[in-house]
Amino acid sequence: MKTTNSAVFKAVTKALSRSVLGLFIFWLMAPFSFLHAEELNDIGQLQWQSRVLLMQGSDEAKQSFSQSLENDAKQLSDRHIYWFIFQSDQVETNYPGEVSDNFKNSIKAEYFGNTGDGDVIILIGKDGSPKLFTSELDLKQLYETIDAMPMRQQEIQSQ
């Protein structure tokens, strides 16, 4: 009978320790999950944390942009890039939270106001300044531009 009680005690202890460990991990990670789900109201919220790729263009170009970016998600993630493809009053993005109308309107006014209807791609660095303006999505050129940045060089060295 003693071995049965001991086995039950061990099983209960093991189950409780797993539960406690799971709760502890959840408690540690919870603040970070809410941080990433934050509604995006201003591009300044991403400054010093992420690079931003802004795009607008024809329907064909937008479809091509979207497909290329989704296919290269790992490379974009490694470089801390959130991308935004603007379509009339909607935006397609890899940003995990909601994107406010204020964000959409301010980006359109600030970055696309004088560009006309052509394809426009703008890379914004982590420091908040524009780094690349182009009309074609060339991921190799994009990665080379980013990888040459001093901040990116520090990221590579620290990995």
Protein backbone atom coordinates (compact mmCIF):
# COMPACT_ATOMS: atom_id res chain seq x y z
CA MET A 1 0.00 0.00 0.00
CA LYS A 2 2.90 2.31 0.72
CA THR A 3 4.17 2.13 -2.88
CA THR A 4 0.72 3.00 -4.19
CA ASN A 5 0.54 6.14 -2.06
CA SER A 6 4.07 7.04 -3.11
CA ALA A 7 3.21 6.55 -6.80
CA VAL A 8 0.07 8.66 -6.44
CA PHE A 9 2.04 11.34 -4.60
CA LYS A 10 4.67 11.41 -7.37
CA ALA A 11 2.02 11.60 -10.09
CA VAL A 12 0.19 14.45 -8.35
CA THR A 13 3.44 16.31 -7.67
CA LYS A 14 4.51 15.93 -11.30
CA ALA A 15 1.14 17.18 -12.58
CA LEU A 16 1.18 20.16 -10.22
CA SER A 17 4.73 21.11 -11.15
CA ARG A 18 3.77 21.07 -14.84
CA SER A 19 0.75 23.25 -14.12
CA VAL A 20 2.75 25.68 -12.03
CA LEU A 21 5.49 25.82 -14.66
CA GLY A 22 2.90 26.42 -17.39
CA LEU A 23 1.25 29.20 -15.41
CA PHE A 24 4.63 30.76 -14.66
CA ILE A 25 5.61 30.75 -18.34
CA PHE A 26 2.22 32.22 -19.30
CA TRP A 27 2.65 34.91 -16.65
CA LEU A 28 6.08 35.80 -18.06
CA MET A 29 4.94 35.87 -21.70
CA ALA A 30 1.56 37.60 -21.29
CA PRO A 31 2.89 41.18 -21.37
CA PHE A 32 4.73 40.50 -24.63
CA SER A 33 1.71 39.07 -26.40
CA PHE A 34 -0.32 42.18 -25.59
CA LEU A 35 2.55 44.41 -26.72
CA HIS A 36 2.44 42.93 -30.21
CA ALA A 37 -1.34 43.07 -30.45
CA GLU A 38 -1.40 46.82 -29.78
CA GLU A 39 -3.41 48.92 -32.20
CA LEU A 40 -1.13 50.83 -34.54
CA ASN A 41 -2.06 54.52 -34.63
CA ASP A 42 1.23 56.13 -35.62
CA ILE A 43 4.38 54.97 -37.39
CA GLY A 44 6.34 56.33 -34.41
CA GLN A 45 5.12 53.35 -32.38
CA LEU A 46 7.45 51.15 -34.45
CA GLN A 47 10.50 53.41 -34.19
CA TRP A 48 13.64 51.75 -32.76
CA GLN A 49 11.86 48.37 -32.82
CA SER A 50 11.09 47.62 -36.46
CA ARG A 51 11.84 48.59 -40.01
CA VAL A 52 8.80 49.50 -42.08
CA LEU A 53 8.13 48.81 -45.75
CA LEU A 54 5.34 50.95 -47.22
CA MET A 55 3.86 50.12 -50.62
CA GLN A 56 1.19 51.39 -52.94
CA GLY A 57 0.57 50.65 -56.59
CA SER A 58 -1.59 49.03 -59.20
CA ASP A 59 -3.71 46.01 -58.32
CA GLU A 60 -1.29 43.73 -60.19
CA ALA A 61 1.70 45.19 -58.35
CA LYS A 62 -0.04 44.89 -54.98
CA GLN A 63 -0.78 41.22 -55.62
CA SER A 64 2.84 40.65 -56.63
CA PHE A 65 4.12 42.56 -53.56
CA SER A 66 1.92 40.54 -51.24
CA GLN A 67 2.90 37.17 -52.71
CA SER A 68 6.63 37.97 -52.67
CA LEU A 69 6.54 39.20 -49.09
CA GLU A 70 4.52 36.26 -47.79
CA ASN A 71 6.92 33.84 -49.52
CA ASP A 72 9.92 35.50 -47.86
CA ALA A 73 8.47 35.91 -44.36
CA LYS A 74 11.51 34.48 -42.55
CA GLN A 75 13.97 36.92 -44.15
CA LEU A 76 11.65 39.82 -43.37
CA SER A 77 11.19 38.67 -39.79
CA ASP A 78 14.96 38.27 -39.33
CA ARG A 79 15.34 41.91 -40.33
CA HIS A 80 12.45 43.10 -38.11
CA ILE A 81 10.33 44.32 -41.02
CA TYR A 82 6.63 45.11 -40.88
CA TRP A 83 5.18 45.72 -44.33
CA PHE A 84 2.06 47.62 -45.31
CA ILE A 85 0.42 47.47 -48.73
CA PHE A 86 -2.08 50.30 -49.13
CA GLN A 87 -5.22 49.71 -51.19
CA SER A 88 -7.83 52.47 -51.44
CA ASP A 89 -9.09 52.50 -47.82
CA GLN A 90 -7.66 49.15 -46.74
CA VAL A 91 -4.19 47.97 -45.82
CA GLU A 92 -2.67 44.49 -46.06
CA THR A 93 0.11 43.90 -43.55
CA ASN A 94 2.12 41.42 -41.52
CA TYR A 95 1.68 43.62 -38.42
CA PRO A 96 0.01 41.39 -35.78
CA GLY A 97 -2.31 44.02 -34.29
CA GLU A 98 -5.03 46.25 -35.64
CA VAL A 99 -4.12 49.16 -37.91
CA SER A 100 -6.15 52.30 -37.21
CA ASP A 101 -7.69 54.58 -39.81
CA ASN A 102 -5.52 57.36 -38.41
CA PHE A 103 -2.39 55.34 -39.27
CA LYS A 104 -3.63 54.65 -42.80
CA ASN A 105 -4.54 58.29 -43.44
CA SER A 106 -1.34 59.74 -42.00
CA ILE A 107 0.89 57.34 -43.99
CA LYS A 108 -0.96 58.11 -47.21
CA ALA A 109 -0.66 61.86 -46.62
CA GLU A 110 2.96 61.85 -45.46
CA TYR A 111 4.51 59.28 -47.80
CA PHE A 112 2.21 58.88 -50.79
CA GLY A 113 0.63 62.33 -51.08
CA ASN A 114 2.71 63.50 -54.04
CA THR A 115 3.50 60.17 -55.70
CA GLY A 116 0.55 59.88 -58.06
CA ASP A 117 -0.83 56.48 -58.98
CA GLY A 118 2.45 54.72 -59.80
CA ASP A 119 4.04 51.90 -57.85
CA VAL A 120 5.89 53.26 -54.83
CA ILE A 121 7.90 51.35 -52.25
CA ILE A 122 9.49 53.11 -49.29
CA LEU A 123 11.74 51.55 -46.66
CA ILE A 124 11.74 53.31 -43.28
CA GLY A 125 14.64 52.47 -40.97
CA LYS A 126 14.39 51.75 -37.27
CA ASP A 127 15.43 55.35 -36.65
CA GLY A 128 12.26 56.52 -38.43
CA SER A 129 13.93 57.99 -41.51
CA PRO A 130 13.34 56.90 -45.12
CA LYS A 131 16.17 54.71 -46.43
CA LEU A 132 15.01 53.58 -49.85
CA PHE A 133 12.54 54.83 -52.46
CA THR A 134 11.84 52.61 -55.46
CA SER A 135 9.09 51.59 -57.85
CA GLU A 136 9.99 47.89 -58.01
CA LEU A 137 10.06 45.32 -55.24
CA ASP A 138 13.54 43.81 -55.46
CA LEU A 139 14.02 41.80 -52.27
CA LYS A 140 17.73 41.30 -52.93
CA GLN A 141 18.23 45.08 -53.16
CA LEU A 142 16.06 45.56 -50.07
CA TYR A 143 18.10 43.07 -48.01
CA GLU A 144 21.41 44.51 -49.23
CA THR A 145 20.26 48.01 -48.26
CA ILE A 146 19.20 46.86 -44.81
CA ASP A 147 22.22 44.62 -44.22
CA ALA A 148 24.54 47.57 -44.93
CA MET A 149 22.93 49.66 -42.17
CA PRO A 150 24.99 50.08 -38.97
CA MET A 151 22.08 49.00 -36.76
CA ARG A 152 21.63 45.82 -38.81
CA GLN A 153 25.37 45.13 -38.61
CA GLN A 154 25.08 45.27 -34.81
CA GLU A 155 22.11 42.88 -34.93
CA ILE A 156 24.08 40.41 -37.05
CA GLN A 157 27.10 40.56 -34.71
CA SER A 158 24.96 39.98 -31.62
CA GLN A 159 23.32 36.85 -33.09
